[in-house]
Amino acid sequence: MLEFLFEVLGEFLFQIILEALAEAGLHVVAKPNRKPPNPFLAAIGYTTFGAIAGGLSLLIFPHNFVPAPWRIANMLVTPVAAGWMMSALGAWRERRGQDRIRIDRFAYGYLFALGLGLVRFFYAS
């Protein structure tokens, strides 16, 4: 049981770390005076970036952290938790007077983690 908890926590932390790195990179390249893209196109973009991150993660960690019977439950819970964490990070940034970009909102953080998780779900051994 304890091993299972560590595996689920590892998968969650792995997605959060990749998402935080993407968020940090996007903060660096975001231009405040630029017109924001269409929300639908941005959602497709964040899902695609998540899938790319998931594909790259397979090069580093080719094996799935979560045991087979729990992978579907993990696909339902982990993106929601990652979206919530990104939303909390965005609120923290806002309180500090920093700009909040799209991935700092629940929906975009969720879509990024979902794209990453789906690639790992289908392709990790």
C-alpha atoms as a PDB file:
ATOM      1  CA  MET A   1       0.000   0.000   0.000  1.00  0.00           C
ATOM      2  CA  LEU A   2       2.797   2.401   0.897  1.00  0.00           C
ATOM      3  CA  GLU A   3       4.552   1.583  -2.376  1.00  0.00           C
ATOM      4  CA  PHE A   4       1.368   2.456  -4.283  1.00  0.00           C
ATOM      5  CA  LEU A   5       1.134   5.842  -2.536  1.00  0.00           C
ATOM      6  CA  PHE A   6       4.744   6.616  -3.455  1.00  0.00           C
ATOM      7  CA  GLU A   7       4.095   5.687  -7.090  1.00  0.00           C
ATOM      8  CA  VAL A   8       0.993   7.895  -7.337  1.00  0.00           C
ATOM      9  CA  LEU A   9       2.771  10.739  -5.559  1.00  0.00           C
ATOM     10  CA  GLY A  10       5.744  10.298  -7.918  1.00  0.00           C
ATOM     11  CA  GLU A  11       3.529  10.562 -11.007  1.00  0.00           C
ATOM     12  CA  PHE A  12       1.817  13.651  -9.590  1.00  0.00           C
ATOM     13  CA  LEU A  13       5.116  15.335  -8.682  1.00  0.00           C
ATOM     14  CA  PHE A  14       6.576  14.480 -12.069  1.00  0.00           C
ATOM     15  CA  GLN A  15       3.678  16.207 -13.854  1.00  0.00           C
ATOM     16  CA  ILE A  16       3.804  19.210 -11.518  1.00  0.00           C
ATOM     17  CA  ILE A  17       7.550  19.647 -12.050  1.00  0.00           C
ATOM     18  CA  LEU A  18       7.229  19.511 -15.844  1.00  0.00           C
ATOM     19  CA  GLU A  19       4.297  21.903 -15.730  1.00  0.00           C
ATOM     20  CA  ALA A  20       6.170  24.318 -13.469  1.00  0.00           C
ATOM     21  CA  LEU A  21       9.132  24.290 -15.848  1.00  0.00           C
ATOM     22  CA  ALA A  22       6.823  25.015 -18.780  1.00  0.00           C
ATOM     23  CA  GLU A  23       5.144  27.778 -16.792  1.00  0.00           C
ATOM     24  CA  ALA A  24       8.489  29.351 -15.935  1.00  0.00           C
ATOM     25  CA  GLY A  25       9.543  29.225 -19.577  1.00  0.00           C
ATOM     26  CA  LEU A  26       6.285  30.771 -20.729  1.00  0.00           C
ATOM     27  CA  HIS A  27       6.666  33.601 -18.211  1.00  0.00           C
ATOM     28  CA  VAL A  28      10.053  34.374 -19.713  1.00  0.00           C
ATOM     29  CA  VAL A  29       8.771  34.608 -23.296  1.00  0.00           C
ATOM     30  CA  ALA A  30       5.374  36.214 -22.584  1.00  0.00           C
ATOM     31  CA  LYS A  31       5.081  39.750 -23.862  1.00  0.00           C
ATOM     32  CA  PRO A  32       2.599  41.881 -21.906  1.00  0.00           C
ATOM     33  CA  ASN A  33       1.689  44.156 -24.845  1.00  0.00           C
ATOM     34  CA  ARG A  34       0.922  41.309 -27.235  1.00  0.00           C
ATOM     35  CA  LYS A  35      -2.699  40.502 -28.087  1.00  0.00           C
ATOM     36  CA  PRO A  36      -3.632  37.229 -26.339  1.00  0.00           C
ATOM     37  CA  PRO A  37      -4.487  34.314 -28.634  1.00  0.00           C
ATOM     38  CA  ASN A  38      -7.950  32.890 -29.028  1.00  0.00           C
ATOM     39  CA  PRO A  39      -8.766  30.823 -25.869  1.00  0.00           C
ATOM     40  CA  PHE A  40      -9.708  27.798 -27.987  1.00  0.00           C
ATOM     41  CA  LEU A  41      -6.387  27.905 -29.853  1.00  0.00           C
ATOM     42  CA  ALA A  42      -4.541  28.446 -26.570  1.00  0.00           C
ATOM     43  CA  ALA A  43      -6.267  25.360 -25.110  1.00  0.00           C
ATOM     44  CA  ILE A  44      -5.154  23.281 -28.104  1.00  0.00           C
ATOM     45  CA  GLY A  45      -1.642  24.695 -27.737  1.00  0.00           C
ATOM     46  CA  TYR A  46      -1.345  23.854 -24.032  1.00  0.00           C
ATOM     47  CA  THR A  47      -2.657  20.335 -24.641  1.00  0.00           C
ATOM     48  CA  THR A  48      -0.110  19.931 -27.447  1.00  0.00           C
ATOM     49  CA  PHE A  49       2.722  21.280 -25.266  1.00  0.00           C
ATOM     50  CA  GLY A  50       1.697  18.802 -22.568  1.00  0.00           C
ATOM     51  CA  ALA A  51       1.739  15.934 -25.070  1.00  0.00           C
ATOM     52  CA  ILE A  52       5.194  16.999 -26.252  1.00  0.00           C
ATOM     53  CA  ALA A  53       6.394  17.140 -22.645  1.00  0.00           C
ATOM     54  CA  GLY A  54       4.908  13.677 -22.106  1.00  0.00           C
ATOM     55  CA  GLY A  55       6.751  12.352 -25.142  1.00  0.00           C
ATOM     56  CA  LEU A  56      10.021  13.868 -23.962  1.00  0.00           C
ATOM     57  CA  SER A  57       9.446  12.442 -20.491  1.00  0.00           C
ATOM     58  CA  LEU A  58       9.328   8.953 -22.002  1.00  0.00           C
ATOM     59  CA  LEU A  59      12.975   9.391 -22.962  1.00  0.00           C
ATOM     60  CA  ILE A  60      13.886   9.959 -19.318  1.00  0.00           C
ATOM     61  CA  PHE A  61      11.333   7.730 -17.557  1.00  0.00           C
ATOM     62  CA  PRO A  62      10.083   5.080 -20.000  1.00  0.00           C
ATOM     63  CA  HIS A  63       8.199   3.156 -17.316  1.00  0.00           C
ATOM     64  CA  ASN A  64       4.887   4.194 -15.803  1.00  0.00           C
ATOM     65  CA  PHE A  65       5.074   5.061 -12.097  1.00  0.00           C
ATOM     66  CA  VAL A  66       1.531   3.930 -11.334  1.00  0.00           C
ATOM     67  CA  PRO A  67       0.547   0.227 -11.309  1.00  0.00           C
ATOM     68  CA  ALA A  68      -1.755  -0.893 -14.143  1.00  0.00           C
ATOM     69  CA  PRO A  69      -5.004  -1.213 -12.128  1.00  0.00           C
ATOM     70  CA  TRP A  70      -4.743   2.392 -10.934  1.00  0.00           C
ATOM     71  CA  ARG A  71      -3.738   4.158 -14.157  1.00  0.00           C
ATOM     72  CA  ILE A  72      -7.260   5.212 -15.142  1.00  0.00           C
ATOM     73  CA  ALA A  73      -7.922   6.653 -11.682  1.00  0.00           C
ATOM     74  CA  ASN A  74      -4.583   8.433 -11.951  1.00  0.00           C
ATOM     75  CA  MET A  75      -5.645   9.928 -15.312  1.00  0.00           C
ATOM     76  CA  LEU A  76      -8.761  11.344 -13.675  1.00  0.00           C
ATOM     77  CA  VAL A  77      -7.164  12.728 -10.510  1.00  0.00           C
ATOM     78  CA  THR A  78      -3.667  13.913 -11.441  1.00  0.00           C
ATOM     79  CA  PRO A  79      -4.604  16.483 -14.135  1.00  0.00           C
ATOM     80  CA  VAL A  80      -7.230  17.978 -11.796  1.00  0.00           C
ATOM     81  CA  ALA A  81      -4.659  18.238  -9.001  1.00  0.00           C
ATOM     82  CA  ALA A  82      -2.089  19.728 -11.384  1.00  0.00           C
ATOM     83  CA  GLY A  83      -4.626  22.279 -12.640  1.00  0.00           C
ATOM     84  CA  TRP A  84      -5.433  23.239  -9.074  1.00  0.00           C
ATOM     85  CA  MET A  85      -1.726  23.610  -8.251  1.00  0.00           C
ATOM     86  CA  MET A  86      -1.169  25.849 -11.280  1.00  0.00           C
ATOM     87  CA  SER A  87      -4.175  27.948 -10.287  1.00  0.00           C
ATOM     88  CA  ALA A  88      -2.761  28.289  -6.772  1.00  0.00           C
ATOM     89  CA  LEU A  89       0.612  29.283  -8.248  1.00  0.00           C
ATOM     90  CA  GLY A  90      -1.114  31.900 -10.415  1.00  0.00           C
ATOM     91  CA  ALA A  91      -2.951  33.327  -7.390  1.00  0.00           C
ATOM     92  CA  TRP A  92       0.344  33.464  -5.495  1.00  0.00           C
ATOM     93  CA  ARG A  93       1.997  35.294  -8.391  1.00  0.00           C
ATOM     94  CA  GLU A  94      -0.918  37.722  -8.581  1.00  0.00           C
ATOM     95  CA  ARG A  95      -0.658  38.522  -4.855  1.00  0.00           C
ATOM     96  CA  ARG A  96       3.019  39.315  -5.389  1.00  0.00           C
ATOM     97  CA  GLY A  97       2.133  41.744  -8.205  1.00  0.00           C
ATOM     98  CA  GLN A  98       3.438  39.517 -11.010  1.00  0.00           C
ATOM     99  CA  ASP A  99       1.660  38.869 -14.287  1.00  0.00           C
ATOM    100  CA  ARG A 100      -0.587  35.829 -14.520  1.00  0.00           C
ATOM    101  CA  ILE A 101      -0.406  33.984 -17.828  1.00  0.00           C
ATOM    102  CA  ARG A 102      -2.876  31.409 -19.136  1.00  0.00           C
ATOM    103  CA  ILE A 103      -1.160  28.316 -17.724  1.00  0.00           C
ATOM    104  CA  ASP A 104      -1.595  29.899 -14.279  1.00  0.00           C
ATOM    105  CA  ARG A 105      -5.318  29.153 -14.566  1.00  0.00           C
ATOM    106  CA  PHE A 106      -6.980  25.849 -13.744  1.00  0.00           C
ATOM    107  CA  ALA A 107      -8.262  24.947 -17.218  1.00  0.00           C
ATOM    108  CA  TYR A 108      -4.961  25.476 -19.039  1.00  0.00           C
ATOM    109  CA  GLY A 109      -2.940  23.756 -16.322  1.00  0.00           C
ATOM    110  CA  TYR A 110      -5.403  20.866 -16.453  1.00  0.00           C
ATOM    111  CA  LEU A 111      -5.114  20.572 -20.241  1.00  0.00           C
ATOM    112  CA  PHE A 112      -1.316  20.627 -20.117  1.00  0.00           C
ATOM    113  CA  ALA A 113      -1.265  17.861 -17.484  1.00  0.00           C
ATOM    114  CA  LEU A 114      -3.931  15.902 -19.366  1.00  0.00           C
ATOM    115  CA  GLY A 115      -1.881  15.967 -22.581  1.00  0.00           C
ATOM    116  CA  LEU A 116       1.222  14.876 -20.690  1.00  0.00           C
ATOM    117  CA  GLY A 117      -0.652  12.172 -18.792  1.00  0.00           C
ATOM    118  CA  LEU A 118      -2.388  10.758 -21.870  1.00  0.00           C
ATOM    119  CA  VAL A 119       0.892  10.286 -23.699  1.00  0.00           C
ATOM    120  CA  ARG A 120       2.408   8.570 -20.653  1.00  0.00           C
ATOM    121  CA  PHE A 121      -0.762   6.484 -20.168  1.00  0.00           C
ATOM    122  CA  PHE A 122      -0.709   5.091 -23.694  1.00  0.00           C
ATOM    123  CA  TYR A 123       3.034   4.848 -24.358  1.00  0.00           C
ATOM    124  CA  ALA A 124       4.811   4.216 -21.021  1.00  0.00           C
ATOM    125  CA  SER A 125       5.510   0.563 -20.425  1.00  0.00           C
END
